[in-house]
Amino acid sequence: MSASVIDFIATEARFGAHNYEPIGVVLSRGEGVWVWDTEGNRYLDCLSAYSAVSQGHCHPKILAALVEQAHRLTLTSRAFHNDQLALFYEEIAALTGSHKVLPMNSGAEAVESAIKSVRKWGYEVKGVPDGQAEIIVCANNFHGRTLGIVSFSTDPETRTHFGPFAPGFRIIPFGDAVALEDAITPNTVAFLVEPIQGEAGLVIPPAGYFTKVRQLCTVNNVMLVLDEIQTGLGRTGKLLAEQHEGIEADVTLLGKALSGGFYPVSAVLSNNDVLGTLRPGQHGSTFGGNPLACAVARAAMRVLVEEGMIENAARQGARFLEGLKGIRANTIREVRGRGLMLAVELHPEAGGARRYCEALQGKGILAKDTHEYTIRIAPPLVITSDQVDWALERLATTLTQDFS
């Protein structure tokens, strides 16, 4: 590393809270699937800011929408109407088939909003006794890092010394429909679940799981809440991951790619009366639904569809997955993925995924380790066949590398 890179990293370490452990690169510019560091080195971004930059870095049409709106009006609060919110509502509802929309900022805010909303629905519509609502979640989930959300995390790193925690959650294994059926009680108001567990190492449930989940939730009048903050908006080769099994959630959570990486935008989408229970003053956000966010999100959704990014994710994801499965390396335990949401899990004796990610950095690829032994691969949805093949060559060389 040059002195300037070391200085950037040292300054972060001196002044910043040490709540992240980044790969040792300092980025300064991005375009499409590529990013450049402060020394001018180019890298293929295979993380996409945890899928927030699905449309590619600095997409010109989203950038133009941001700049144009920033010149006109950025924030009104929800004390007044603005001329972008209604259009955002109309367009996201048309795209996803939703009936009601609650705009927020971060993904965690969307999750917290959904928790509040389904509890309120449970008391006022389902008739659950006050204070006794239960929400079922899955082990190894990741829905954010707020205090309410870590209350139902099973990751000790997110919980240790942060208690006391909020009650009202029941934890079951992911991908086990029988466990869900056994956990449902008359006080169950919702099942909150990721279609694919991303932070857990890209865990894909067995085929037919969500079909059974949908049936169980319908029969028991339980709201199915799908956290599609990472999987949604084309990442898995469908607009929403739920479409792989032809189901519809009662509540869908979107974020990350909803702004193409330009601005924090999230949304709670509902197909029923869950959001209809909210009344003025009961929930809100100063920045949620602001005109700048709405203009950016409208452009981000528009380019996703008009430029065929969802179809490209399916096509290039299949190519990438096939290529990864073709790598013959003793280090690889399993390769899995759906669309451009991919993972290579290594054998424990390979020594951990972090050093492979650092080796990939040296070959011009930025990927990130998760759960110690898994390399996550999630490039922007604009990646081309040639770029996939370029990445596969370097991944093959790295995964067969001898670190001894």
Protein backbone atom coordinates (compact mmCIF):
# COMPACT_ATOMS: atom_id res chain seq x y z
CA MET A 1 0.00 0.00 0.00
CA SER A 2 1.14 3.54 -0.71
CA ALA A 3 1.52 6.10 2.07
CA SER A 4 -1.74 7.81 1.06
CA VAL A 5 -3.72 4.55 1.30
CA ILE A 6 -2.17 3.77 4.66
CA ASP A 7 -2.99 7.31 5.82
CA PHE A 8 -6.66 6.97 4.79
CA ILE A 9 -6.99 3.66 6.62
CA ALA A 10 -5.09 4.88 9.68
CA THR A 11 -7.26 8.00 9.93
CA GLU A 12 -10.41 5.89 9.77
CA ALA A 13 -9.04 3.68 12.53
CA ARG A 14 -8.10 6.68 14.68
CA PHE A 15 -11.41 8.55 14.48
CA GLY A 16 -14.00 5.95 13.52
CA ALA A 17 -15.81 3.35 15.60
CA HIS A 18 -14.31 -0.06 14.80
CA ASN A 19 -17.58 -1.69 13.83
CA TYR A 20 -16.37 -2.85 10.39
CA GLU A 21 -13.35 -4.73 9.11
CA PRO A 22 -13.02 -3.67 5.46
CA ILE A 23 -10.78 -5.19 2.82
CA GLY A 24 -7.64 -3.02 2.55
CA VAL A 25 -8.56 -0.92 -0.46
CA VAL A 26 -9.55 2.76 -0.60
CA LEU A 27 -12.01 3.39 -3.42
CA SER A 28 -12.47 6.76 -5.08
CA ARG A 29 -14.45 6.25 -8.28
CA GLY A 30 -16.97 3.86 -9.86
CA GLU A 31 -18.60 3.28 -13.23
CA GLY A 32 -20.81 0.33 -14.15
CA VAL A 33 -19.30 -2.86 -12.74
CA TRP A 34 -15.90 -1.23 -12.14
CA VAL A 35 -14.42 0.72 -9.24
CA TRP A 36 -11.02 2.42 -8.96
CA ASP A 37 -8.91 2.97 -5.88
CA THR A 38 -6.99 6.12 -4.96
CA GLU A 39 -3.93 4.78 -6.81
CA GLY A 40 -5.80 4.23 -10.07
CA ASN A 41 -6.12 0.43 -9.83
CA ARG A 42 -9.31 -0.96 -11.37
CA TYR A 43 -11.46 -3.68 -9.79
CA LEU A 44 -14.55 -5.64 -10.78
CA ASP A 45 -17.02 -5.02 -7.95
CA CYS A 46 -18.44 -8.38 -6.92
CA LEU A 47 -20.29 -7.08 -3.88
CA SER A 48 -22.33 -4.16 -5.29
CA ALA A 49 -22.50 -2.58 -1.83
CA TYR A 50 -24.42 -5.64 -0.61
CA SER A 51 -26.67 -5.41 -3.71
CA ALA A 52 -27.41 -1.68 -3.32
CA VAL A 53 -25.57 -0.84 -6.56
CA SER A 54 -27.44 -3.36 -8.71
CA GLN A 55 -27.87 -0.85 -11.56
CA GLY A 56 -24.11 -0.26 -11.68
CA HIS A 57 -22.01 2.49 -10.15
CA CYS A 58 -23.06 6.05 -10.97
CA HIS A 59 -25.70 5.07 -13.53
CA PRO A 60 -26.04 8.20 -15.71
CA LYS A 61 -29.85 8.25 -15.80
CA ILE A 62 -30.19 7.90 -12.03
CA LEU A 63 -27.48 10.52 -11.58
CA ALA A 64 -29.36 12.89 -13.88
CA ALA A 65 -32.57 12.40 -11.87
CA LEU A 66 -30.67 13.09 -8.64
CA VAL A 67 -29.06 16.27 -9.94
CA GLU A 68 -32.25 17.59 -11.52
CA GLN A 69 -34.31 17.01 -8.37
CA ALA A 70 -31.57 18.38 -6.11
CA HIS A 71 -31.79 21.66 -8.04
CA ARG A 72 -35.56 21.80 -7.53
CA LEU A 73 -36.50 20.49 -4.07
CA THR A 74 -34.84 18.01 -1.70
CA LEU A 75 -36.88 17.82 1.50
CA THR A 76 -40.29 18.93 2.71
CA SER A 77 -40.91 16.45 5.53
CA ARG A 78 -44.27 14.71 5.45
CA ALA A 79 -45.88 17.82 6.94
CA PHE A 80 -46.53 18.81 3.31
CA HIS A 81 -47.14 16.99 0.05
CA ASN A 82 -44.50 16.97 -2.67
CA ASP A 83 -44.81 16.32 -6.41
CA GLN A 84 -42.63 13.17 -6.41
CA LEU A 85 -44.18 11.01 -3.69
CA ALA A 86 -47.46 10.25 -5.44
CA LEU A 87 -45.60 9.32 -8.62
CA PHE A 88 -43.26 7.07 -6.65
CA TYR A 89 -46.24 5.35 -5.00
CA GLU A 90 -47.96 4.85 -8.34
CA GLU A 91 -44.89 3.47 -10.09
CA ILE A 92 -43.68 1.11 -7.38
CA ALA A 93 -47.22 -0.21 -6.91
CA ALA A 94 -47.54 -0.85 -10.64
CA LEU A 95 -44.13 -2.55 -10.77
CA THR A 96 -44.70 -4.85 -7.79
CA GLY A 97 -48.48 -5.24 -7.75
CA SER A 98 -48.73 -3.74 -4.26
CA HIS A 99 -51.73 -1.88 -2.87
CA LYS A 100 -50.14 0.28 -0.16
CA VAL A 101 -46.67 1.75 0.27
CA LEU A 102 -44.84 3.10 3.31
CA PRO A 103 -41.61 4.93 2.34
CA MET A 104 -38.63 4.86 4.69
CA ASN A 105 -34.86 5.30 4.39
CA SER A 106 -32.78 2.29 5.43
CA GLY A 107 -33.58 -1.38 5.20
CA ALA A 108 -33.59 -1.70 8.98
CA GLU A 109 -36.19 1.08 9.18
CA ALA A 110 -38.37 -0.87 6.76
CA VAL A 111 -38.08 -3.97 8.93
CA GLU A 112 -38.89 -2.05 12.11
CA SER A 113 -41.85 -0.43 10.36
CA ALA A 114 -43.15 -3.82 9.26
CA ILE A 115 -42.84 -5.20 12.80
CA LYS A 116 -44.85 -2.29 14.19
CA SER A 117 -47.45 -2.56 11.42
CA VAL A 118 -48.10 -6.31 11.69
CA ARG A 119 -48.38 -6.04 15.48
CA LYS A 120 -50.91 -3.23 15.12
CA TRP A 121 -52.83 -5.28 12.53
CA GLY A 122 -52.77 -8.25 14.90
CA TYR A 123 -54.37 -6.28 17.71
CA GLU A 124 -56.87 -4.25 15.69
CA VAL A 125 -57.85 -6.72 12.95
CA LYS A 126 -56.96 -10.27 13.98
CA GLY A 127 -57.96 -9.71 17.60
CA VAL A 128 -54.79 -10.78 19.39
CA PRO A 129 -54.86 -9.69 23.06
CA ASP A 130 -52.92 -6.48 23.60
CA GLY A 131 -49.23 -7.02 24.28
CA GLN A 132 -49.25 -10.72 23.28
CA ALA A 133 -48.49 -10.56 19.53
CA GLU A 134 -45.85 -13.00 18.33
CA ILE A 135 -43.71 -12.83 15.20
CA ILE A 136 -41.93 -15.94 13.94
CA VAL A 137 -38.43 -15.51 12.51
CA CYS A 138 -35.67 -17.86 11.37
CA ALA A 139 -32.36 -18.80 12.94
CA ASN A 140 -29.33 -17.20 11.28
CA ASN A 141 -31.52 -14.38 9.97
CA PHE A 142 -30.19 -10.95 9.10
CA HIS A 143 -32.71 -8.12 9.01
CA GLY A 144 -30.54 -5.25 10.25
CA ARG A 145 -28.80 -4.09 13.40
CA THR A 146 -31.26 -1.96 15.36
CA LEU A 147 -32.00 -2.99 18.93
CA GLY A 148 -35.42 -4.32 18.01
CA ILE A 149 -34.00 -6.44 15.20
CA VAL A 150 -31.05 -7.87 17.12
CA SER A 151 -33.58 -8.95 19.73
CA PHE A 152 -34.37 -11.88 17.45
CA SER A 153 -30.92 -12.45 15.96
CA THR A 154 -29.13 -15.72 16.70
CA ASP A 155 -25.68 -14.26 15.98
CA PRO A 156 -23.82 -13.71 19.29
CA GLU A 157 -21.76 -10.91 17.71
CA THR A 158 -24.88 -8.79 17.20
CA ARG A 159 -26.33 -9.49 20.66
CA THR A 160 -23.56 -9.63 23.25
CA HIS A 161 -23.85 -6.75 25.75
CA PHE A 162 -26.67 -5.03 23.85
CA GLY A 163 -29.56 -6.31 25.96
CA PRO A 164 -32.14 -6.27 27.42
CA PHE A 165 -34.00 -7.27 24.28
CA ALA A 166 -37.53 -6.85 23.00
CA PRO A 167 -39.85 -9.82 23.53
CA GLY A 168 -42.45 -11.21 21.14
CA PHE A 169 -40.36 -13.30 18.73
CA ARG A 170 -40.14 -17.06 18.17
CA ILE A 171 -37.14 -18.50 16.31
CA ILE A 172 -37.35 -21.57 14.08
CA PRO A 173 -34.95 -23.22 11.60
CA PHE A 174 -34.85 -21.72 8.10
CA GLY A 175 -36.28 -23.86 5.32
CA ASP A 176 -38.33 -26.08 7.66
CA ALA A 177 -42.06 -25.74 6.96
CA VAL A 178 -42.97 -28.26 9.68
CA ALA A 179 -41.20 -26.11 12.26
CA LEU A 180 -43.23 -23.11 11.09
CA GLU A 181 -46.49 -25.03 11.38
CA ASP A 182 -45.60 -26.16 14.91
CA ALA A 183 -44.62 -22.62 15.98
CA ILE A 184 -47.85 -20.88 14.92
CA THR A 185 -50.26 -20.02 17.75
CA PRO A 186 -53.44 -17.93 17.90
CA ASN A 187 -51.21 -14.98 18.84
CA THR A 188 -48.96 -15.28 15.79
CA VAL A 189 -49.30 -12.16 13.64
CA ALA A 190 -46.50 -12.66 11.12
CA PHE A 191 -43.70 -14.77 9.75
CA LEU A 192 -40.73 -12.54 8.87
CA VAL A 193 -38.23 -14.27 6.59
CA GLU A 194 -35.65 -13.72 3.86
CA PRO A 195 -36.29 -15.59 0.60
CA ILE A 196 -32.56 -16.38 0.59
CA GLN A 197 -30.46 -15.85 3.69
CA GLY A 198 -27.70 -13.61 2.40
CA GLU A 199 -25.57 -12.74 5.43
CA ALA A 200 -25.83 -16.32 6.68
CA GLY A 201 -23.76 -17.40 3.69
CA LEU A 202 -26.33 -17.43 0.89
CA VAL A 203 -28.60 -20.17 2.19
CA ILE A 204 -31.25 -21.19 -0.35
CA PRO A 205 -34.30 -23.03 1.05
CA PRO A 206 -35.47 -26.34 -0.44
CA ALA A 207 -37.78 -26.26 -3.46
CA GLY A 208 -41.41 -25.91 -2.47
CA TYR A 209 -40.64 -24.37 0.90
CA PHE A 210 -42.25 -21.01 0.22
CA THR A 211 -45.26 -22.61 -1.42
CA LYS A 212 -45.90 -24.45 1.84
CA VAL A 213 -45.13 -21.33 3.88
CA ARG A 214 -47.66 -19.33 1.88
CA GLN A 215 -50.31 -22.01 2.49
CA LEU A 216 -49.63 -22.12 6.24
CA CYS A 217 -49.77 -18.34 6.60
CA THR A 218 -53.03 -18.13 4.65
CA VAL A 219 -54.75 -20.90 6.60
CA ASN A 220 -53.70 -19.45 9.97
CA ASN A 221 -54.31 -15.77 9.10
CA VAL A 222 -50.64 -14.96 9.59
CA MET A 223 -48.97 -12.20 7.58
CA LEU A 224 -46.11 -13.46 5.40
CA VAL A 225 -43.47 -10.71 5.49
CA LEU A 226 -40.66 -11.22 2.97
CA ASP A 227 -37.50 -9.24 3.52
CA GLU A 228 -36.44 -8.68 -0.10
CA ILE A 229 -34.04 -5.88 0.73
CA GLN A 230 -31.14 -7.85 -0.76
CA THR A 231 -32.98 -10.33 -2.99
CA GLY A 232 -35.48 -7.89 -4.49
CA LEU A 233 -35.38 -5.77 -7.64
CA GLY A 234 -33.75 -8.28 -9.96
CA ARG A 235 -30.87 -9.66 -7.92
CA THR A 236 -32.03 -13.29 -8.23
CA GLY A 237 -33.08 -13.06 -11.88
CA LYS A 238 -36.69 -12.18 -11.06
CA LEU A 239 -38.11 -8.82 -9.99
CA LEU A 240 -38.80 -10.36 -6.58
CA ALA A 241 -37.39 -13.63 -5.29
CA GLU A 242 -40.90 -14.77 -4.30
CA GLN A 243 -41.63 -15.19 -8.01
CA HIS A 244 -39.38 -18.24 -8.21
CA GLU A 245 -42.18 -20.17 -6.46
CA GLY A 246 -45.08 -18.14 -7.81
CA ILE A 247 -46.25 -16.81 -4.44
CA GLU A 248 -47.16 -13.37 -3.13
CA ALA A 249 -46.17 -12.02 0.25
CA ASP A 250 -48.62 -10.04 2.35
CA VAL A 251 -45.87 -7.54 3.13
CA THR A 252 -42.69 -7.03 1.10
CA LEU A 253 -39.65 -5.05 2.21
CA LEU A 254 -37.44 -3.32 -0.35
CA GLY A 255 -34.34 -1.18 -0.01
CA LYS A 256 -30.74 -1.15 -1.24
CA ALA A 257 -31.20 -1.28 -5.06
CA LEU A 258 -34.34 0.83 -4.77
CA SER A 259 -32.07 3.85 -5.17
CA GLY A 260 -29.32 2.31 -7.30
CA GLY A 261 -26.80 3.23 -4.63
CA PHE A 262 -27.36 6.99 -4.78
CA TYR A 263 -29.43 7.62 -1.68
CA PRO A 264 -30.93 5.69 1.26
CA VAL A 265 -34.44 4.62 0.16
CA SER A 266 -36.55 1.75 1.45
CA ALA A 267 -40.20 0.81 1.35
CA VAL A 268 -42.75 -1.41 3.05
CA LEU A 269 -45.22 -2.76 0.49
CA SER A 270 -48.52 -4.33 1.47
CA ASN A 271 -51.19 -6.27 -0.42
CA ASN A 272 -53.76 -6.10 2.38
CA ASP A 273 -54.91 -3.94 5.26
CA VAL A 274 -51.71 -4.16 7.34
CA LEU A 275 -50.59 -0.63 6.44
CA GLY A 276 -54.20 0.54 6.59
CA THR A 277 -54.09 0.38 10.38
CA LEU A 278 -51.62 3.27 10.61
CA ARG A 279 -53.09 6.66 11.46
CA PRO A 280 -51.51 10.16 11.38
CA GLY A 281 -48.94 10.57 14.12
CA GLN A 282 -48.51 6.86 14.82
CA HIS A 283 -45.46 6.27 12.63
CA GLY A 284 -43.26 8.33 10.35
CA SER A 285 -39.88 9.62 9.26
CA THR A 286 -38.68 13.14 8.48
CA PHE A 287 -36.75 11.94 5.43
CA GLY A 288 -39.00 9.03 4.43
CA GLY A 289 -40.71 9.82 1.11
CA ASN A 290 -38.74 13.00 0.51
CA PRO A 291 -38.79 14.32 -3.08
CA LEU A 292 -35.10 13.65 -3.72
CA ALA A 293 -35.43 10.03 -2.58
CA CYS A 294 -38.58 9.53 -4.65
CA ALA A 295 -37.06 10.98 -7.82
CA VAL A 296 -33.98 8.78 -7.44
CA ALA A 297 -36.03 5.66 -6.73
CA ARG A 298 -38.28 6.31 -9.73
CA ALA A 299 -35.24 6.50 -12.00
CA ALA A 300 -33.66 3.43 -10.40
CA MET A 301 -36.79 1.33 -11.01
CA ARG A 302 -37.16 2.68 -14.54
CA VAL A 303 -33.66 1.74 -15.72
CA LEU A 304 -33.92 -1.66 -14.07
CA VAL A 305 -36.84 -2.50 -16.36
CA GLU A 306 -36.05 -0.49 -19.49
CA GLU A 307 -32.47 -1.75 -19.74
CA GLY A 308 -33.34 -5.41 -19.18
CA MET A 309 -31.26 -5.77 -16.04
CA ILE A 310 -33.50 -8.40 -14.46
CA GLU A 311 -33.28 -10.64 -17.52
CA ASN A 312 -29.52 -10.05 -17.67
CA ALA A 313 -29.20 -11.10 -14.03
CA ALA A 314 -30.88 -14.41 -14.84
CA ARG A 315 -28.75 -14.96 -17.94
CA GLN A 316 -25.38 -13.93 -16.52
CA GLY A 317 -26.15 -15.54 -13.16
CA ALA A 318 -26.61 -18.91 -14.86
CA ARG A 319 -23.33 -18.41 -16.75
CA PHE A 320 -21.50 -17.40 -13.57
CA LEU A 321 -22.90 -20.31 -11.55
CA GLU A 322 -22.01 -22.84 -14.21
CA GLY A 323 -18.51 -21.43 -14.41
CA LEU A 324 -18.02 -21.54 -10.65
CA LYS A 325 -19.23 -25.12 -10.51
CA GLY A 326 -16.70 -25.97 -13.20
CA ILE A 327 -13.74 -24.86 -11.07
CA ARG A 328 -11.91 -27.95 -9.84
CA ALA A 329 -10.37 -26.93 -6.55
CA ASN A 330 -9.92 -28.93 -3.38
CA THR A 331 -10.68 -25.78 -1.41
CA ILE A 332 -14.33 -25.64 -2.56
CA ARG A 333 -16.97 -27.31 -0.44
CA GLU A 334 -20.04 -26.02 -2.31
CA VAL A 335 -21.09 -23.50 -4.93
CA ARG A 336 -24.64 -22.13 -4.83
CA GLY A 337 -26.61 -19.22 -6.12
CA ARG A 338 -29.66 -17.78 -7.80
CA GLY A 339 -29.32 -15.10 -10.43
CA LEU A 340 -26.40 -12.85 -9.57
CA MET A 341 -26.54 -13.76 -5.89
CA LEU A 342 -23.77 -16.35 -5.66
CA ALA A 343 -21.52 -17.93 -3.08
CA VAL A 344 -18.50 -20.19 -2.92
CA GLU A 345 -18.25 -22.02 0.40
CA LEU A 346 -14.78 -23.28 1.26
CA HIS A 347 -13.72 -26.26 3.33
CA PRO A 348 -12.62 -25.17 6.83
CA GLU A 349 -9.15 -26.55 6.20
CA ALA A 350 -8.77 -24.03 3.36
CA GLY A 351 -8.05 -21.49 6.08
CA GLY A 352 -10.96 -19.07 5.82
CA ALA A 353 -12.45 -17.01 3.02
CA ARG A 354 -10.86 -13.69 4.00
CA ARG A 355 -7.44 -14.50 2.59
CA TYR A 356 -8.98 -15.59 -0.71
CA CYS A 357 -10.84 -12.28 -0.93
CA GLU A 358 -7.56 -10.46 -0.28
CA ALA A 359 -5.90 -12.54 -3.00
CA LEU A 360 -8.75 -11.69 -5.38
CA GLN A 361 -8.13 -8.01 -4.68
CA GLY A 362 -4.64 -8.49 -6.05
CA LYS A 363 -6.17 -9.88 -9.25
CA GLY A 364 -8.63 -7.02 -9.72
CA ILE A 365 -11.76 -8.46 -8.09
CA LEU A 366 -13.46 -7.16 -4.94
CA ALA A 367 -15.52 -9.77 -3.10
CA LYS A 368 -16.35 -10.19 0.56
CA ASP A 369 -16.17 -13.07 2.99
CA THR A 370 -19.08 -13.97 5.23
CA HIS A 371 -19.48 -16.55 7.98
CA GLU A 372 -15.74 -17.23 7.85
CA TYR A 373 -15.71 -19.78 5.04
CA THR A 374 -17.96 -18.28 2.35
CA ILE A 375 -17.08 -15.88 -0.47
CA ARG A 376 -20.08 -13.86 -1.64
CA ILE A 377 -20.24 -12.86 -5.28
CA ALA A 378 -22.86 -10.31 -6.30
CA PRO A 379 -21.78 -8.03 -9.17
CA PRO A 380 -24.02 -5.29 -10.58
CA LEU A 381 -26.80 -6.57 -12.80
CA VAL A 382 -25.25 -4.84 -15.82
CA ILE A 383 -22.32 -7.28 -15.98
CA THR A 384 -21.60 -8.74 -19.43
CA SER A 385 -20.66 -12.25 -20.54
CA ASP A 386 -17.07 -11.17 -21.20
CA GLN A 387 -16.82 -9.67 -17.74
CA VAL A 388 -18.22 -12.85 -16.16
CA ASP A 389 -15.64 -14.93 -18.02
CA TRP A 390 -12.87 -12.49 -16.99
CA ALA A 391 -13.91 -12.88 -13.34
CA LEU A 392 -14.14 -16.67 -13.59
CA GLU A 393 -10.55 -16.93 -14.86
CA ARG A 394 -9.27 -15.02 -11.84
CA LEU A 395 -11.52 -16.84 -9.40
CA ALA A 396 -10.28 -20.19 -10.72
CA THR A 397 -6.64 -19.13 -10.34
CA THR A 398 -7.25 -17.86 -6.81
CA LEU A 399 -9.32 -20.79 -5.56
CA THR A 400 -6.64 -23.24 -6.69
CA GLN A 401 -3.87 -21.16 -5.12
CA ASP A 402 -1.63 -22.79 -2.53
CA PHE A 403 -1.32 -20.53 0.53
CA SER A 404 0.95 -22.89 2.45
